[in-house]
Protein backbone atom coordinates (compact mmCIF):
# COMPACT_ATOMS: atom_id res chain seq x y z
CA MET A 1 5.13 -12.82 -7.15
CA SER A 2 7.05 -9.57 -7.71
CA GLU A 3 5.24 -6.48 -8.87
CA ILE A 4 4.46 -6.49 -12.57
CA LYS A 5 4.78 -3.54 -14.90
CA ILE A 6 2.43 -3.09 -17.84
CA LEU A 7 4.11 -1.43 -20.83
CA LYS A 8 2.05 0.12 -23.58
CA PRO A 9 4.49 1.63 -26.12
CA PHE A 10 1.81 1.27 -28.83
CA GLY A 11 -1.59 -0.42 -29.25
CA PRO A 12 -1.15 -3.82 -27.58
CA SER A 13 0.01 -3.80 -23.98
CA ILE A 14 3.05 -5.77 -22.84
CA VAL A 15 3.68 -7.06 -19.33
CA LYS A 16 7.09 -7.15 -17.71
CA LEU A 17 7.72 -9.18 -14.56
CA SER A 18 10.46 -11.22 -12.92
CA ILE A 19 10.96 -14.96 -12.77
CA PRO A 20 11.70 -15.90 -9.12
CA ASP A 21 15.33 -16.89 -8.57
CA ASP A 22 14.46 -20.38 -7.44
CA LEU A 23 12.51 -20.99 -10.66
CA ILE A 24 15.42 -19.79 -12.76
CA VAL A 25 17.73 -22.29 -10.98
CA LYS A 26 15.27 -25.17 -11.40
CA LEU A 27 14.63 -24.39 -15.06
CA ASN A 28 18.34 -24.14 -15.92
CA GLU A 29 19.19 -27.32 -14.06
CA TYR A 30 16.36 -29.16 -15.87
CA ILE A 31 17.47 -27.84 -19.28
CA ASP A 32 21.12 -28.73 -18.59
CA ARG A 33 20.04 -32.29 -17.82
CA ILE A 34 17.84 -32.56 -20.92
CA ILE A 35 20.50 -31.43 -23.37
CA LEU A 36 22.83 -34.23 -22.17
CA ASP A 37 20.19 -36.85 -23.05
CA GLU A 38 20.10 -37.21 -26.83
CA GLU A 39 17.07 -39.53 -26.74
CA LYS A 40 15.06 -37.08 -24.67
CA VAL A 41 16.16 -34.09 -26.77
CA SER A 42 14.96 -35.92 -29.88
CA LYS A 43 11.63 -36.81 -28.21
CA LEU A 44 11.00 -33.24 -27.06
CA ASP A 45 12.33 -31.51 -30.19
CA HIS A 46 9.93 -28.79 -31.36
CA ALA A 47 12.06 -26.93 -33.93
CA ASN A 48 9.92 -27.98 -36.91
CA HIS A 49 6.92 -26.24 -35.37
CA LEU A 50 8.69 -22.94 -34.55
CA ALA A 51 10.05 -20.05 -36.57
CA GLY A 52 13.52 -19.87 -34.99
CA LYS A 53 16.69 -20.50 -36.99
CA VAL A 54 18.55 -21.57 -33.90
CA LYS A 55 20.58 -24.45 -32.47
CA GLN A 56 17.89 -26.10 -30.40
CA GLU A 57 14.22 -25.68 -29.45
CA PHE A 58 12.43 -28.25 -27.34
CA LEU A 59 9.28 -28.63 -25.25
CA LEU A 60 9.15 -28.71 -21.46
CA GLU A 61 7.65 -31.89 -19.97
CA ASN A 62 4.29 -31.48 -18.27
CA ASP A 63 5.40 -33.37 -15.14
CA PHE A 64 8.25 -30.96 -14.65
CA MET A 65 6.09 -27.89 -15.19
CA GLN A 66 3.64 -29.21 -12.58
CA GLU A 67 6.49 -29.99 -10.17
CA ILE A 68 7.79 -26.41 -10.20
CA LYS A 69 4.28 -24.92 -10.50
CA TRP A 70 5.26 -23.12 -13.69
CA GLY A 71 1.66 -22.99 -14.90
CA GLU A 72 0.59 -21.28 -11.66
CA PHE A 73 3.25 -18.64 -12.13
CA LEU A 74 2.06 -17.93 -15.69
CA ALA A 75 -1.65 -18.02 -14.82
CA ASN A 76 -1.24 -15.60 -11.93
CA ALA A 77 0.64 -13.12 -14.14
CA VAL A 78 -2.05 -13.31 -16.85
CA LYS A 79 -4.78 -12.88 -14.27
CA ILE A 80 -3.23 -9.64 -12.96
CA TRP A 81 -2.59 -8.38 -16.50
CA LEU A 82 -6.20 -9.01 -17.57
CA GLN A 83 -7.62 -7.36 -14.46
CA ASN A 84 -5.44 -4.26 -14.77
CA ASP A 85 -5.65 -3.83 -18.51
CA SER A 86 -9.23 -4.89 -19.31
CA ASN A 87 -10.96 -4.99 -15.93
CA LYS A 88 -11.84 -8.63 -16.52
CA GLU A 89 -11.62 -11.70 -14.25
CA LEU A 90 -9.72 -14.64 -15.65
CA LYS A 91 -11.94 -17.75 -15.51
CA SER A 92 -9.66 -20.28 -17.11
CA ILE A 93 -6.33 -20.55 -18.90
CA GLU A 94 -4.89 -23.50 -20.78
CA ILE A 95 -1.16 -23.66 -21.41
CA ILE A 96 -0.97 -24.97 -24.96
CA ARG A 97 2.77 -25.53 -24.92
CA CYS A 98 5.92 -24.26 -23.31
CA TRP A 99 9.35 -24.50 -24.92
CA VAL A 100 13.03 -23.59 -24.58
CA VAL A 101 15.07 -21.72 -27.17
CA ARG A 102 18.84 -22.12 -27.18
CA GLN A 103 20.34 -19.47 -29.43
CA PHE A 104 23.99 -18.96 -30.31
CA GLN A 105 25.92 -16.48 -32.42
CA ASN A 106 24.71 -15.85 -36.00
CA GLU A 107 21.37 -17.54 -35.27
CA TYR A 108 18.10 -15.61 -35.25
CA ASN A 109 14.35 -15.64 -34.91
CA PRO A 110 12.54 -14.15 -37.93
CA VAL A 111 9.47 -11.95 -37.65
CA HIS A 112 6.55 -14.12 -36.49
CA LEU A 113 3.51 -14.40 -34.27
CA HIS A 114 2.14 -17.18 -32.04
CA SER A 115 -0.98 -19.30 -31.64
CA GLY A 116 -3.50 -19.14 -28.77
CA HIS A 117 -4.40 -15.82 -27.06
CA ILE A 118 -1.44 -15.08 -24.80
CA SER A 119 2.26 -15.64 -25.31
CA GLY A 120 5.38 -14.91 -23.27
CA VAL A 121 9.15 -15.12 -23.18
CA GLY A 122 11.61 -15.12 -20.28
CA TYR A 123 15.39 -15.19 -20.10
CA LEU A 124 17.43 -17.85 -18.32
CA LYS A 125 20.92 -17.15 -19.74
CA VAL A 126 22.23 -14.11 -21.59
CA PRO A 127 25.72 -13.55 -23.09
CA LYS A 128 27.87 -10.87 -21.46
CA SER A 129 27.93 -9.11 -24.83
CA PHE A 130 26.00 -9.49 -28.07
CA GLY A 131 28.87 -8.09 -30.16
CA LYS A 132 29.72 -4.71 -31.59
CA VAL A 133 28.26 -2.84 -34.55
CA SER A 134 29.69 -0.16 -36.81
CA GLU A 135 30.37 3.12 -35.05
CA LYS A 136 28.07 4.74 -37.59
CA LYS A 137 25.14 2.82 -36.20
CA LYS A 138 23.22 4.65 -33.47
CA THR A 139 21.78 1.50 -31.93
CA ASN A 140 22.82 -2.09 -31.39
CA ASP A 141 19.87 -4.46 -31.83
CA LYS A 142 21.95 -7.65 -31.76
CA GLY A 143 20.36 -10.32 -29.62
CA ASN A 144 17.53 -8.04 -28.58
CA LEU A 145 13.79 -8.79 -28.71
CA THR A 146 11.93 -6.44 -31.03
CA PHE A 147 8.14 -6.11 -31.01
CA ILE A 148 6.45 -4.74 -34.15
CA SER A 149 3.03 -3.13 -34.50
CA GLY A 150 1.66 -0.84 -37.20
CA SER A 151 3.99 1.56 -39.03
CA ASP A 152 6.21 4.46 -38.08
CA ASN A 153 4.35 7.77 -37.93
CA LEU A 154 4.66 11.10 -36.13
CA PHE A 155 4.30 10.38 -32.41
CA SER A 156 3.74 6.68 -33.15
CA LYS A 157 6.59 4.21 -33.39
CA ALA A 158 6.23 0.76 -34.98
CA THR A 159 8.86 -1.09 -32.93
CA HIS A 160 9.74 -1.56 -29.28
CA VAL A 161 13.16 -3.04 -28.57
CA ILE A 162 13.93 -4.94 -25.38
CA LYS A 163 17.40 -5.93 -24.18
CA PRO A 164 17.12 -9.36 -22.51
CA GLU A 165 18.24 -9.69 -18.91
CA VAL A 166 18.28 -12.93 -16.88
CA GLY A 167 15.05 -13.22 -14.93
CA ASP A 168 13.03 -10.78 -17.06
CA PHE A 169 9.76 -12.20 -18.36
CA TYR A 170 7.42 -10.56 -20.88
CA LEU A 171 3.77 -11.37 -21.64
CA PHE A 172 2.15 -10.19 -24.88
CA PRO A 173 -0.87 -10.98 -27.07
CA ASN A 174 -0.29 -13.82 -29.52
CA TYR A 175 -0.79 -11.65 -32.60
CA LEU A 176 1.98 -9.18 -31.72
CA LEU A 177 4.76 -9.63 -34.27
CA HIS A 178 8.26 -9.97 -32.91
CA THR A 179 11.78 -10.93 -33.91
CA VAL A 180 15.26 -11.54 -32.49
CA TYR A 181 18.26 -10.44 -34.52
CA PRO A 182 21.48 -12.51 -34.61
CA PHE A 183 24.38 -11.67 -32.35
CA SER A 184 28.11 -12.21 -32.73
CA ASP A 185 31.59 -12.33 -31.15
CA THR A 186 30.70 -14.82 -28.40
CA ASP A 187 30.32 -18.57 -27.79
CA GLU A 188 27.85 -17.99 -24.96
CA GLU A 189 24.25 -19.13 -25.06
CA ARG A 190 21.14 -16.93 -25.16
CA ARG A 191 18.61 -19.17 -23.42
CA SER A 192 14.91 -18.30 -23.25
CA ILE A 193 11.65 -19.94 -22.30
CA SER A 194 8.37 -19.26 -24.09
CA PHE A 195 4.74 -20.33 -23.94
CA ASN A 196 1.38 -20.05 -25.69
CA ALA A 197 -1.92 -20.12 -23.79
CA GLN A 198 -5.62 -20.12 -24.51
CA LEU A 199 -8.04 -18.08 -22.41
CA ASP A 200 -11.70 -18.65 -21.67
CA LYS A 201 -14.13 -17.14 -24.19
CA ASP A 202 -15.19 -14.18 -22.01
CA SER A 203 -11.63 -13.19 -21.18
CA ALA A 204 -10.53 -13.40 -24.81
CA ASN A 205 -13.43 -11.30 -26.13
CA TYR A 206 -11.93 -7.86 -26.26
CA ALA A 207 -15.25 -6.18 -27.21
CA SER A 208 -17.19 -7.29 -24.14
């Protein structure tokens, strides 16, 4: 696994790491096969359980995740995060679910949080451009991932904006609010993979 970087722009820490190239290829090939199979897409559809207002959201099959050792990749990252951030040893982790989000122009993900203890999102495809904004605007948040915590104060910002790049993967606590704004001026897909996980009681107890 590549070196991870723990970001702490405000209270909760966030982990940034890279998805290995071979896993990106396997995940994209799998997803491309799934979306051609209407019956399987219908069977795996998870949109009704998620916040996204997007084209398609569906679960990854357990057999496939075991085949590519996706759970091991996630568990190892969480283990390192827990050790470095809280000086705790991870005893067990249960992947509750893992899903794919296919987002296209004018679609978005409203402010929301997740279940479990740990969540994450990684990027498998990203448009070359998310579109332009008015020249009067100082920033362009289109298509970006925005984390939200607390409120803006002197020396304390409430948001942390991340521009998605293929291969980037972020871990964060389930309660950390986040959103993705719509993008425009492109027919390209913004493809991401997310998960929720439950930790053992000792690991999840922040006060111990």
